[in-house]
Amino acid sequence: MSQASVKSLETEVQVVPKQKTTSKIKKLKRYLPLFIMILPGFIYLLINNYMPMAGLVIAFKDINYSVGIFASDWIGFKNFEYLFSTQDAYIITRNTILYNGGFIILNTVIALVVAIMLNEIKNKFFKSFYQSIILLPFLISMVIVSYLGLSFLSVDVGFFNKTLLPMLGLEEIAWYFEAKYWPYILTIINVWKGVGFLCVIFLAAIVGIDQEYYEAAQLDGASKIQQIWNITIPNIMPVIVMMTLLAIGRIFYSDFGLFYQVPMNSGAIYETTNVIDTYVYRGLMQLGDIGMSAAAGLYQSIVGFVLVILSNWLVRLRNKDNALF
């Protein structure tokens, strides 16, 4: 090889890295505004979700405030034993799973039905109006919801006891002392409050479906039910699966306001309103045992993580495209 060829080759080798570096700089400049835009959210996620993970050590310690968290005695799994060795362990676990399992099924089905119905409304004003009405309960604080419930269920001035039941010729009911009614009351309130959020997500997915599918189905003589079953639901199935998996991941978590504030912390109905979150809160307030509280939180997180992994694995076995990851 001649000396000129060697120099030419060296020049080409030097040019290629420079071109790659220039290309990377251009890409960085191009996406820099996006990086800056996500930076506040990333910082919030880091501070709020990841930095506190160091506090998981509390679940395995007997906290002594005089020496601090990390200098306190290590007691292993005793906090977990205390949490699940009580007589209420079965009740709170049963209530948490059954309530949340029922909420997932009912909210998903009802939100899907409402979203499909809203999609059939062609008038933009009424469509926006109904969307707002349905979403409004989701935006209301649970404290306000609890007092709205009190206005219906109060023994002294409640709408049911003073108006509805006498109209039907029925006796008054002490709602806050009758545990048997509360599975239905809590379910109705949860559906009323939570369906709007899911409905908006499903509606957005339905609106994104190509209308040519429906036009072709109409030409083939498909009914509205057949169009929904064969076009709408299959096309939004990834969204349904994603929202369901996220809900399953929190099946051991409960809406604290729903189970504590709405029943007005009535001890007579603990049998049907007490869940893991309210039990831990009451234990923390009465005993001041933050170790048990941390153990419950860790337990809920681990179980939720395992359930998401298993659920996603089952979905992947059936259809990889619908899996979350």
C-alpha atoms as a PDB file:
ATOM      1  CA  MET A   1       0.000   0.000   0.000  1.00  0.00           C
ATOM      2  CA  SER A   2       1.357   3.377  -0.958  1.00  0.00           C
ATOM      3  CA  GLN A   3       1.937   6.191   1.537  1.00  0.00           C
ATOM      4  CA  ALA A   4      -0.872   8.243  -0.055  1.00  0.00           C
ATOM      5  CA  SER A   5      -3.347   5.388   0.433  1.00  0.00           C
ATOM      6  CA  VAL A   6      -2.342   5.049   4.093  1.00  0.00           C
ATOM      7  CA  LYS A   7      -2.882   8.777   4.693  1.00  0.00           C
ATOM      8  CA  SER A   8      -6.252   8.642   2.922  1.00  0.00           C
ATOM      9  CA  LEU A   9      -7.327   5.709   5.103  1.00  0.00           C
ATOM     10  CA  GLU A  10      -6.250   7.502   8.285  1.00  0.00           C
ATOM     11  CA  THR A  11      -8.215  10.572   7.221  1.00  0.00           C
ATOM     12  CA  GLU A  12     -11.370   8.474   6.655  1.00  0.00           C
ATOM     13  CA  VAL A  13     -10.972   6.822  10.077  1.00  0.00           C
ATOM     14  CA  GLN A  14     -10.730  10.263  11.735  1.00  0.00           C
ATOM     15  CA  VAL A  15     -13.749  11.611   9.809  1.00  0.00           C
ATOM     16  CA  VAL A  16     -16.120   8.746  10.826  1.00  0.00           C
ATOM     17  CA  PRO A  17     -15.850   9.362  14.618  1.00  0.00           C
ATOM     18  CA  LYS A  18     -16.263  13.101  14.044  1.00  0.00           C
ATOM     19  CA  GLN A  19     -19.403  12.474  12.021  1.00  0.00           C
ATOM     20  CA  LYS A  20     -20.813  10.211  14.745  1.00  0.00           C
ATOM     21  CA  THR A  21     -20.027  12.788  17.431  1.00  0.00           C
ATOM     22  CA  THR A  22     -21.655  15.553  15.377  1.00  0.00           C
ATOM     23  CA  SER A  23     -24.717  13.375  14.821  1.00  0.00           C
ATOM     24  CA  LYS A  24     -25.042  12.693  18.563  1.00  0.00           C
ATOM     25  CA  ILE A  25     -24.748  16.397  19.368  1.00  0.00           C
ATOM     26  CA  LYS A  26     -27.457  17.210  16.820  1.00  0.00           C
ATOM     27  CA  LYS A  27     -29.760  14.572  18.331  1.00  0.00           C
ATOM     28  CA  LEU A  28     -29.069  15.900  21.830  1.00  0.00           C
ATOM     29  CA  LYS A  29     -29.926  19.447  20.741  1.00  0.00           C
ATOM     30  CA  ARG A  30     -33.045  18.186  19.010  1.00  0.00           C
ATOM     31  CA  TYR A  31     -34.381  16.317  22.049  1.00  0.00           C
ATOM     32  CA  LEU A  32     -33.006  18.655  24.723  1.00  0.00           C
ATOM     33  CA  PRO A  33     -36.344  20.506  25.180  1.00  0.00           C
ATOM     34  CA  LEU A  34     -38.055  17.153  25.782  1.00  0.00           C
ATOM     35  CA  PHE A  35     -35.421  16.162  28.359  1.00  0.00           C
ATOM     36  CA  ILE A  36     -35.877  19.484  30.141  1.00  0.00           C
ATOM     37  CA  MET A  37     -39.665  19.020  30.049  1.00  0.00           C
ATOM     38  CA  ILE A  38     -39.542  15.601  31.767  1.00  0.00           C
ATOM     39  CA  LEU A  39     -36.902  16.698  34.291  1.00  0.00           C
ATOM     40  CA  PRO A  40     -39.385  18.022  36.932  1.00  0.00           C
ATOM     41  CA  GLY A  41     -41.398  14.800  36.765  1.00  0.00           C
ATOM     42  CA  PHE A  42     -38.238  12.713  37.013  1.00  0.00           C
ATOM     43  CA  ILE A  43     -37.035  14.679  40.049  1.00  0.00           C
ATOM     44  CA  TYR A  44     -40.442  14.321  41.699  1.00  0.00           C
ATOM     45  CA  LEU A  45     -40.440  10.559  41.007  1.00  0.00           C
ATOM     46  CA  LEU A  46     -36.934  10.236  42.431  1.00  0.00           C
ATOM     47  CA  ILE A  47     -37.700  12.182  45.622  1.00  0.00           C
ATOM     48  CA  ASN A  48     -41.213  10.839  46.212  1.00  0.00           C
ATOM     49  CA  ASN A  49     -40.886   7.193  45.091  1.00  0.00           C
ATOM     50  CA  TYR A  50     -37.254   6.088  45.207  1.00  0.00           C
ATOM     51  CA  MET A  51     -35.431   7.988  47.940  1.00  0.00           C
ATOM     52  CA  PRO A  52     -37.962   6.901  50.626  1.00  0.00           C
ATOM     53  CA  MET A  53     -37.178   3.256  49.776  1.00  0.00           C
ATOM     54  CA  ALA A  54     -34.288   3.480  52.232  1.00  0.00           C
ATOM     55  CA  GLY A  55     -36.972   3.622  54.923  1.00  0.00           C
ATOM     56  CA  LEU A  56     -37.975   0.007  54.178  1.00  0.00           C
ATOM     57  CA  VAL A  57     -35.489  -0.953  56.853  1.00  0.00           C
ATOM     58  CA  ILE A  58     -38.061   0.276  59.399  1.00  0.00           C
ATOM     59  CA  ALA A  59     -40.129  -2.841  58.705  1.00  0.00           C
ATOM     60  CA  PHE A  60     -37.352  -4.987  60.177  1.00  0.00           C
ATOM     61  CA  LYS A  61     -36.496  -2.874  63.221  1.00  0.00           C
ATOM     62  CA  ASP A  62     -37.843  -2.063  66.658  1.00  0.00           C
ATOM     63  CA  ILE A  63     -37.762   1.707  66.314  1.00  0.00           C
ATOM     64  CA  ASN A  64     -36.233   3.620  69.204  1.00  0.00           C
ATOM     65  CA  TYR A  65     -36.610   7.333  68.578  1.00  0.00           C
ATOM     66  CA  SER A  66     -33.802   8.201  70.994  1.00  0.00           C
ATOM     67  CA  VAL A  67     -31.149   6.439  68.887  1.00  0.00           C
ATOM     68  CA  GLY A  68     -32.687   6.876  65.429  1.00  0.00           C
ATOM     69  CA  ILE A  69     -33.856   4.496  62.726  1.00  0.00           C
ATOM     70  CA  PHE A  70     -30.587   2.924  61.643  1.00  0.00           C
ATOM     71  CA  ALA A  71     -29.271   2.472  65.212  1.00  0.00           C
ATOM     72  CA  SER A  72     -32.462   0.764  66.417  1.00  0.00           C
ATOM     73  CA  ASP A  73     -32.483  -2.966  67.161  1.00  0.00           C
ATOM     74  CA  TRP A  74     -32.894  -5.364  64.246  1.00  0.00           C
ATOM     75  CA  ILE A  75     -35.828  -7.733  64.898  1.00  0.00           C
ATOM     76  CA  GLY A  76     -36.196  -9.449  61.533  1.00  0.00           C
ATOM     77  CA  PHE A  77     -39.750 -10.460  60.614  1.00  0.00           C
ATOM     78  CA  LYS A  78     -41.372  -9.873  64.022  1.00  0.00           C
ATOM     79  CA  ASN A  79     -43.291  -6.861  62.723  1.00  0.00           C
ATOM     80  CA  PHE A  80     -44.797  -9.066  60.017  1.00  0.00           C
ATOM     81  CA  GLU A  81     -45.652 -11.743  62.587  1.00  0.00           C
ATOM     82  CA  TYR A  82     -47.435  -9.183  64.734  1.00  0.00           C
ATOM     83  CA  LEU A  83     -49.348  -7.854  61.743  1.00  0.00           C
ATOM     84  CA  PHE A  84     -50.750 -11.250  60.752  1.00  0.00           C
ATOM     85  CA  SER A  85     -50.958 -13.017  64.124  1.00  0.00           C
ATOM     86  CA  THR A  86     -54.004 -11.039  65.278  1.00  0.00           C
ATOM     87  CA  GLN A  87     -57.570 -12.299  65.022  1.00  0.00           C
ATOM     88  CA  ASP A  88     -58.374  -9.559  62.504  1.00  0.00           C
ATOM     89  CA  ALA A  89     -55.731 -10.703  59.994  1.00  0.00           C
ATOM     90  CA  TYR A  90     -58.121 -12.951  58.068  1.00  0.00           C
ATOM     91  CA  ILE A  91     -60.935 -10.350  58.035  1.00  0.00           C
ATOM     92  CA  ILE A  92     -58.833  -7.465  56.766  1.00  0.00           C
ATOM     93  CA  THR A  93     -57.120  -9.598  54.099  1.00  0.00           C
ATOM     94  CA  ARG A  94     -60.451 -11.053  52.955  1.00  0.00           C
ATOM     95  CA  ASN A  95     -62.118  -7.645  52.798  1.00  0.00           C
ATOM     96  CA  THR A  96     -59.215  -6.057  50.933  1.00  0.00           C
ATOM     97  CA  ILE A  97     -59.047  -8.744  48.242  1.00  0.00           C
ATOM     98  CA  LEU A  98     -62.800  -9.198  47.740  1.00  0.00           C
ATOM     99  CA  TYR A  99     -63.583  -5.489  47.638  1.00  0.00           C
ATOM    100  CA  ASN A 100     -60.777  -4.620  45.237  1.00  0.00           C
ATOM    101  CA  GLY A 101     -61.430  -7.659  43.058  1.00  0.00           C
ATOM    102  CA  GLY A 102     -65.079  -6.668  42.774  1.00  0.00           C
ATOM    103  CA  PHE A 103     -64.160  -3.030  42.120  1.00  0.00           C
ATOM    104  CA  ILE A 104     -61.806  -4.016  39.274  1.00  0.00           C
ATOM    105  CA  ILE A 105     -64.447  -6.119  37.514  1.00  0.00           C
ATOM    106  CA  LEU A 106     -67.386  -3.753  38.001  1.00  0.00           C
ATOM    107  CA  ASN A 107     -65.504  -0.542  37.206  1.00  0.00           C
ATOM    108  CA  THR A 108     -63.971  -2.013  34.053  1.00  0.00           C
ATOM    109  CA  VAL A 109     -67.237  -3.437  32.705  1.00  0.00           C
ATOM    110  CA  ILE A 110     -69.378  -0.388  33.544  1.00  0.00           C
ATOM    111  CA  ALA A 111     -66.752   2.095  32.295  1.00  0.00           C
ATOM    112  CA  LEU A 112     -66.470   0.176  29.025  1.00  0.00           C
ATOM    113  CA  VAL A 113     -70.246   0.157  28.528  1.00  0.00           C
ATOM    114  CA  VAL A 114     -70.541   3.874  29.312  1.00  0.00           C
ATOM    115  CA  ALA A 115     -67.611   4.717  27.007  1.00  0.00           C
ATOM    116  CA  ILE A 116     -69.240   2.817  24.135  1.00  0.00           C
ATOM    117  CA  MET A 117     -72.545   4.628  24.770  1.00  0.00           C
ATOM    118  CA  LEU A 118     -70.834   8.029  24.868  1.00  0.00           C
ATOM    119  CA  ASN A 119     -69.092   7.249  21.584  1.00  0.00           C
ATOM    120  CA  GLU A 120     -72.502   6.813  19.953  1.00  0.00           C
ATOM    121  CA  ILE A 121     -73.496  10.400  20.845  1.00  0.00           C
ATOM    122  CA  LYS A 122     -72.823  12.525  17.770  1.00  0.00           C
ATOM    123  CA  ASN A 123     -73.746  15.941  19.175  1.00  0.00           C
ATOM    124  CA  LYS A 124     -70.473  17.462  20.446  1.00  0.00           C
ATOM    125  CA  PHE A 125     -72.136  19.597  23.116  1.00  0.00           C
ATOM    126  CA  PHE A 126     -74.046  16.730  24.723  1.00  0.00           C
ATOM    127  CA  LYS A 127     -71.043  14.434  24.379  1.00  0.00           C
ATOM    128  CA  SER A 128     -68.829  16.898  26.287  1.00  0.00           C
ATOM    129  CA  PHE A 129     -71.605  17.536  28.799  1.00  0.00           C
ATOM    130  CA  TYR A 130     -72.064  13.858  29.648  1.00  0.00           C
ATOM    131  CA  GLN A 131     -68.299  13.322  29.849  1.00  0.00           C
ATOM    132  CA  SER A 132     -68.029  16.134  32.382  1.00  0.00           C
ATOM    133  CA  ILE A 133     -70.940  14.811  34.442  1.00  0.00           C
ATOM    134  CA  ILE A 134     -69.494  11.306  34.543  1.00  0.00           C
ATOM    135  CA  LEU A 135     -65.971  12.507  35.398  1.00  0.00           C
ATOM    136  CA  LEU A 136     -67.103  14.970  38.080  1.00  0.00           C
ATOM    137  CA  PRO A 137     -67.417  12.421  40.948  1.00  0.00           C
ATOM    138  CA  PHE A 138     -63.806  11.317  40.392  1.00  0.00           C
ATOM    139  CA  LEU A 139     -62.670  14.884  41.113  1.00  0.00           C
ATOM    140  CA  ILE A 140     -64.654  15.218  44.352  1.00  0.00           C
ATOM    141  CA  SER A 141     -62.724  14.761  47.597  1.00  0.00           C
ATOM    142  CA  MET A 142     -63.591  11.641  49.582  1.00  0.00           C
ATOM    143  CA  VAL A 143     -64.229  13.861  52.610  1.00  0.00           C
ATOM    144  CA  ILE A 144     -67.045  15.563  50.700  1.00  0.00           C
ATOM    145  CA  VAL A 145     -68.295  12.176  49.497  1.00  0.00           C
ATOM    146  CA  SER A 146     -68.412  10.948  53.107  1.00  0.00           C
ATOM    147  CA  TYR A 147     -70.672  13.854  54.110  1.00  0.00           C
ATOM    148  CA  LEU A 148     -72.829  13.345  51.035  1.00  0.00           C
ATOM    149  CA  GLY A 149     -73.218   9.759  52.212  1.00  0.00           C
ATOM    150  CA  LEU A 150     -74.085  11.004  55.700  1.00  0.00           C
ATOM    151  CA  SER A 151     -76.815  13.203  54.249  1.00  0.00           C
ATOM    152  CA  PHE A 152     -78.409  10.061  52.805  1.00  0.00           C
ATOM    153  CA  LEU A 153     -77.694   7.604  55.632  1.00  0.00           C
ATOM    154  CA  SER A 154     -77.953   9.680  58.802  1.00  0.00           C
ATOM    155  CA  VAL A 155     -80.357   8.218  61.347  1.00  0.00           C
ATOM    156  CA  ASP A 156     -81.709  11.613  62.374  1.00  0.00           C
ATOM    157  CA  VAL A 157     -81.883  13.656  59.171  1.00  0.00           C
ATOM    158  CA  GLY A 158     -80.852  11.266  56.371  1.00  0.00           C
ATOM    159  CA  PHE A 159     -82.832  11.227  53.121  1.00  0.00           C
ATOM    160  CA  PHE A 160     -83.357   7.466  53.249  1.00  0.00           C
ATOM    161  CA  ASN A 161     -84.670   7.336  56.833  1.00  0.00           C
ATOM    162  CA  LYS A 162     -86.757  10.492  56.736  1.00  0.00           C
ATOM    163  CA  THR A 163     -88.079  10.429  53.169  1.00  0.00           C
ATOM    164  CA  LEU A 164     -87.524   7.294  51.086  1.00  0.00           C
ATOM    165  CA  LEU A 165     -88.128   4.476  53.592  1.00  0.00           C
ATOM    166  CA  PRO A 166     -91.313   6.038  55.092  1.00  0.00           C
ATOM    167  CA  MET A 167     -92.591   6.553  51.541  1.00  0.00           C
ATOM    168  CA  LEU A 168     -92.133   2.829  50.909  1.00  0.00           C
ATOM    169  CA  GLY A 169     -93.661   1.891  54.257  1.00  0.00           C
ATOM    170  CA  LEU A 170     -90.373   0.542  55.650  1.00  0.00           C
ATOM    171  CA  GLU A 171     -88.815   1.041  59.057  1.00  0.00           C
ATOM    172  CA  GLU A 172     -85.818   3.287  59.604  1.00  0.00           C
ATOM    173  CA  ILE A 173     -82.373   1.663  59.460  1.00  0.00           C
ATOM    174  CA  ALA A 174     -79.354   2.547  61.590  1.00  0.00           C
ATOM    175  CA  TRP A 175     -77.015   2.387  58.613  1.00  0.00           C
ATOM    176  CA  TYR A 176     -73.810   3.091  60.568  1.00  0.00           C
ATOM    177  CA  PHE A 177     -74.525   0.190  62.939  1.00  0.00           C
ATOM    178  CA  GLU A 178     -75.607  -2.450  60.403  1.00  0.00           C
ATOM    179  CA  ALA A 179     -72.551  -4.138  58.851  1.00  0.00           C
ATOM    180  CA  LYS A 180     -74.532  -6.190  56.323  1.00  0.00           C
ATOM    181  CA  TYR A 181     -75.429  -3.178  54.178  1.00  0.00           C
ATOM    182  CA  TRP A 182     -71.939  -1.782  53.756  1.00  0.00           C
ATOM    183  CA  PRO A 183     -70.514  -4.088  51.065  1.00  0.00           C
ATOM    184  CA  TYR A 184     -73.246  -2.743  48.775  1.00  0.00           C
ATOM    185  CA  ILE A 185     -72.923   0.880  49.917  1.00  0.00           C
ATOM    186  CA  LEU A 186     -69.135   0.934  49.469  1.00  0.00           C
ATOM    187  CA  THR A 187     -69.372  -0.778  46.076  1.00  0.00           C
ATOM    188  CA  ILE A 188     -71.963   1.706  44.790  1.00  0.00           C
ATOM    189  CA  ILE A 189     -69.920   4.683  45.983  1.00  0.00           C
ATOM    190  CA  ASN A 190     -66.700   3.301  44.486  1.00  0.00           C
ATOM    191  CA  VAL A 191     -68.338   2.659  41.116  1.00  0.00           C
ATOM    192  CA  TRP A 192     -70.011   6.087  41.117  1.00  0.00           C
ATOM    193  CA  LYS A 193     -66.718   7.787  41.904  1.00  0.00           C
ATOM    194  CA  GLY A 194     -64.264   5.714  39.875  1.00  0.00           C
ATOM    195  CA  VAL A 195     -66.036   4.833  36.638  1.00  0.00           C
ATOM    196  CA  GLY A 196     -65.576   8.318  35.131  1.00  0.00           C
ATOM    197  CA  PHE A 197     -61.782   8.099  35.016  1.00  0.00           C
ATOM    198  CA  LEU A 198     -61.736   4.696  33.307  1.00  0.00           C
ATOM    199  CA  CYS A 199     -64.536   5.781  31.001  1.00  0.00           C
ATOM    200  CA  VAL A 200     -62.521   8.731  29.669  1.00  0.00           C
ATOM    201  CA  ILE A 201     -59.503   6.474  29.004  1.00  0.00           C
ATOM    202  CA  PHE A 202     -61.603   3.882  27.180  1.00  0.00           C
ATOM    203  CA  LEU A 203     -63.429   6.576  25.213  1.00  0.00           C
ATOM    204  CA  ALA A 204     -60.119   8.050  24.040  1.00  0.00           C
ATOM    205  CA  ALA A 205     -59.070   4.590  22.829  1.00  0.00           C
ATOM    206  CA  ILE A 206     -62.389   4.044  21.043  1.00  0.00           C
ATOM    207  CA  VAL A 207     -62.215   7.414  19.282  1.00  0.00           C
ATOM    208  CA  GLY A 208     -58.793   6.413  17.919  1.00  0.00           C
ATOM    209  CA  ILE A 209     -60.180   3.367  16.070  1.00  0.00           C
ATOM    210  CA  ASP A 210     -60.179   3.751  12.276  1.00  0.00           C
ATOM    211  CA  GLN A 211     -63.764   4.354  11.108  1.00  0.00           C
ATOM    212  CA  GLU A 212     -63.154   2.299   7.966  1.00  0.00           C
ATOM    213  CA  TYR A 213     -63.549  -0.854  10.062  1.00  0.00           C
ATOM    214  CA  TYR A 214     -67.085   0.159  11.005  1.00  0.00           C
ATOM    215  CA  GLU A 215     -67.957   1.195   7.459  1.00  0.00           C
ATOM    216  CA  ALA A 216     -66.814  -2.172   6.139  1.00  0.00           C
ATOM    217  CA  ALA A 217     -68.787  -3.966   8.864  1.00  0.00           C
ATOM    218  CA  GLN A 218     -71.931  -1.998   7.994  1.00  0.00           C
ATOM    219  CA  LEU A 219     -71.551  -2.961   4.330  1.00  0.00           C
ATOM    220  CA  ASP A 220     -71.361  -6.596   5.417  1.00  0.00           C
ATOM    221  CA  GLY A 221     -74.578  -6.172   7.383  1.00  0.00           C
ATOM    222  CA  ALA A 222     -73.086  -6.370  10.876  1.00  0.00           C
ATOM    223  CA  SER A 223     -75.320  -5.168  13.697  1.00  0.00           C
ATOM    224  CA  LYS A 224     -74.215  -2.598  16.267  1.00  0.00           C
ATOM    225  CA  ILE A 225     -73.614  -5.333  18.854  1.00  0.00           C
ATOM    226  CA  GLN A 226     -71.500  -7.299  16.375  1.00  0.00           C
ATOM    227  CA  GLN A 227     -69.471  -4.177  15.574  1.00  0.00           C
ATOM    228  CA  ILE A 228     -68.806  -3.572  19.274  1.00  0.00           C
ATOM    229  CA  TRP A 229     -67.886  -7.202  19.942  1.00  0.00           C
ATOM    230  CA  ASN A 230     -65.704  -7.745  16.856  1.00  0.00           C
ATOM    231  CA  ILE A 231     -64.196  -4.287  16.286  1.00  0.00           C
ATOM    232  CA  THR A 232     -64.400  -1.995  19.304  1.00  0.00           C
ATOM    233  CA  ILE A 233     -63.427  -4.391  22.095  1.00  0.00           C
ATOM    234  CA  PRO A 234     -60.553  -6.149  20.226  1.00  0.00           C
ATOM    235  CA  ASN A 235     -59.059  -2.791  19.213  1.00  0.00           C
ATOM    236  CA  ILE A 236     -59.059  -1.347  22.720  1.00  0.00           C
ATOM    237  CA  MET A 237     -58.145  -4.634  24.436  1.00  0.00           C
ATOM    238  CA  PRO A 238     -54.504  -3.513  25.044  1.00  0.00           C
ATOM    239  CA  VAL A 239     -55.829  -0.487  26.967  1.00  0.00           C
ATOM    240  CA  ILE A 240     -58.255  -2.640  28.950  1.00  0.00           C
ATOM    241  CA  VAL A 241     -55.485  -5.099  29.830  1.00  0.00           C
ATOM    242  CA  MET A 242     -53.092  -2.312  30.815  1.00  0.00           C
ATOM    243  CA  MET A 243     -55.604  -0.642  33.161  1.00  0.00           C
ATOM    244  CA  THR A 244     -56.582  -4.011  34.633  1.00  0.00           C
ATOM    245  CA  LEU A 245     -52.968  -4.994  35.310  1.00  0.00           C
ATOM    246  CA  LEU A 246     -52.299  -1.663  37.000  1.00  0.00           C
ATOM    247  CA  ALA A 247     -55.379  -2.184  39.159  1.00  0.00           C
ATOM    248  CA  ILE A 248     -54.319  -5.737  40.042  1.00  0.00           C
ATOM    249  CA  GLY A 249     -50.956  -4.350  41.172  1.00  0.00           C
ATOM    250  CA  ARG A 250     -52.821  -2.369  43.831  1.00  0.00           C
ATOM    251  CA  ILE A 251     -55.282  -5.067  44.840  1.00  0.00           C
ATOM    252  CA  PHE A 252     -53.796  -5.143  48.355  1.00  0.00           C
ATOM    253  CA  TYR A 253     -54.153  -1.372  48.646  1.00  0.00           C
ATOM    254  CA  SER A 254     -57.469   0.231  49.455  1.00  0.00           C
ATOM    255  CA  ASP A 255     -58.936   3.698  49.087  1.00  0.00           C
ATOM    256  CA  PHE A 256     -58.423   4.878  52.664  1.00  0.00           C
ATOM    257  CA  GLY A 257     -61.090   7.561  52.415  1.00  0.00           C
ATOM    258  CA  LEU A 258     -63.660   5.089  51.124  1.00  0.00           C
ATOM    259  CA  PHE A 259     -63.176   2.608  53.964  1.00  0.00           C
ATOM    260  CA  TYR A 260     -62.440   5.035  56.796  1.00  0.00           C
ATOM    261  CA  GLN A 261     -64.199   8.334  56.143  1.00  0.00           C
ATOM    262  CA  VAL A 262     -67.344   7.162  54.348  1.00  0.00           C
ATOM    263  CA  PRO A 263     -68.314   4.722  57.175  1.00  0.00           C
ATOM    264  CA  MET A 264     -67.431   7.505  59.636  1.00  0.00           C
ATOM    265  CA  ASN A 265     -64.998   5.162  61.434  1.00  0.00           C
ATOM    266  CA  SER A 266     -67.935   3.337  63.019  1.00  0.00           C
ATOM    267  CA  GLY A 267     -66.665   0.450  65.121  1.00  0.00           C
ATOM    268  CA  ALA A 268     -69.943  -1.478  64.787  1.00  0.00           C
ATOM    269  CA  ILE A 269     -69.302  -2.159  61.092  1.00  0.00           C
ATOM    270  CA  TYR A 270     -65.576  -3.008  61.189  1.00  0.00           C
ATOM    271  CA  GLU A 271     -66.449  -6.540  60.113  1.00  0.00           C
ATOM    272  CA  THR A 272     -67.252  -5.359  56.594  1.00  0.00           C
ATOM    273  CA  THR A 273     -65.353  -2.049  56.355  1.00  0.00           C
ATOM    274  CA  ASN A 274     -61.987  -2.856  57.922  1.00  0.00           C
ATOM    275  CA  VAL A 275     -59.186  -3.392  55.376  1.00  0.00           C
ATOM    276  CA  ILE A 276     -55.394  -3.516  55.641  1.00  0.00           C
ATOM    277  CA  ASP A 277     -54.932   0.246  55.265  1.00  0.00           C
ATOM    278  CA  THR A 278     -57.506   1.214  57.888  1.00  0.00           C
ATOM    279  CA  TYR A 279     -56.316  -1.506  60.263  1.00  0.00           C
ATOM    280  CA  VAL A 280     -52.717  -0.294  60.046  1.00  0.00           C
ATOM    281  CA  TYR A 281     -53.807   3.327  60.490  1.00  0.00           C
ATOM    282  CA  ARG A 282     -55.809   2.523  63.607  1.00  0.00           C
ATOM    283  CA  GLY A 283     -52.956   0.427  64.968  1.00  0.00           C
ATOM    284  CA  LEU A 284     -50.500   3.247  64.299  1.00  0.00           C
ATOM    285  CA  MET A 285     -52.728   5.828  65.982  1.00  0.00           C
ATOM    286  CA  GLN A 286     -53.413   3.647  69.024  1.00  0.00           C
ATOM    287  CA  LEU A 287     -50.041   1.927  69.468  1.00  0.00           C
ATOM    288  CA  GLY A 288     -47.671   4.278  67.643  1.00  0.00           C
ATOM    289  CA  ASP A 289     -45.956   1.234  66.083  1.00  0.00           C
ATOM    290  CA  ILE A 290     -44.459   2.508  62.820  1.00  0.00           C
ATOM    291  CA  GLY A 291     -42.573  -0.780  62.370  1.00  0.00           C
ATOM    292  CA  MET A 292     -45.845  -2.650  61.873  1.00  0.00           C
ATOM    293  CA  SER A 293     -47.067   0.067  59.507  1.00  0.00           C
ATOM    294  CA  ALA A 294     -43.897  -0.171  57.428  1.00  0.00           C
ATOM    295  CA  ALA A 295     -44.186  -3.978  57.383  1.00  0.00           C
ATOM    296  CA  ALA A 296     -47.743  -3.738  56.049  1.00  0.00           C
ATOM    297  CA  GLY A 297     -46.659  -1.290  53.342  1.00  0.00           C
ATOM    298  CA  LEU A 298     -43.777  -3.530  52.252  1.00  0.00           C
ATOM    299  CA  TYR A 299     -46.047  -6.573  52.246  1.00  0.00           C
ATOM    300  CA  GLN A 300     -48.590  -4.771  50.058  1.00  0.00           C
ATOM    301  CA  SER A 301     -45.891  -3.643  47.630  1.00  0.00           C
ATOM    302  CA  ILE A 302     -44.326  -7.082  47.255  1.00  0.00           C
ATOM    303  CA  VAL A 303     -47.660  -8.833  46.757  1.00  0.00           C
ATOM    304  CA  GLY A 304     -48.746  -6.193  44.249  1.00  0.00           C
ATOM    305  CA  PHE A 305     -45.492  -6.568  42.304  1.00  0.00           C
ATOM    306  CA  VAL A 306     -45.814 -10.362  42.194  1.00  0.00           C
ATOM    307  CA  LEU A 307     -49.446 -10.145  41.061  1.00  0.00           C
ATOM    308  CA  VAL A 308     -48.576  -7.746  38.221  1.00  0.00           C
ATOM    309  CA  ILE A 309     -45.764 -10.025  37.034  1.00  0.00           C
ATOM    310  CA  LEU A 310     -47.978 -13.141  37.158  1.00  0.00           C
ATOM    311  CA  SER A 311     -50.935 -11.416  35.509  1.00  0.00           C
ATOM    312  CA  ASN A 312     -48.764 -10.016  32.740  1.00  0.00           C
ATOM    313  CA  TRP A 313     -47.195 -13.459  32.222  1.00  0.00           C
ATOM    314  CA  LEU A 314     -50.642 -15.010  31.822  1.00  0.00           C
ATOM    315  CA  VAL A 315     -51.621 -12.313  29.336  1.00  0.00           C
ATOM    316  CA  ARG A 316     -48.425 -12.913  27.341  1.00  0.00           C
ATOM    317  CA  LEU A 317     -49.224 -16.611  27.126  1.00  0.00           C
ATOM    318  CA  ARG A 318     -52.523 -15.772  25.455  1.00  0.00           C
ATOM    319  CA  ASN A 319     -51.564 -12.708  23.407  1.00  0.00           C
ATOM    320  CA  LYS A 320     -48.150 -11.005  23.503  1.00  0.00           C
ATOM    321  CA  ASP A 321     -49.494  -7.837  21.899  1.00  0.00           C
ATOM    322  CA  ASN A 322     -51.841  -7.205  24.834  1.00  0.00           C
ATOM    323  CA  ALA A 323     -49.168  -7.650  27.516  1.00  0.00           C
ATOM    324  CA  LEU A 324     -47.952  -4.636  29.466  1.00  0.00           C
ATOM    325  CA  PHE A 325     -44.278  -5.655  29.117  1.00  0.00           C
END
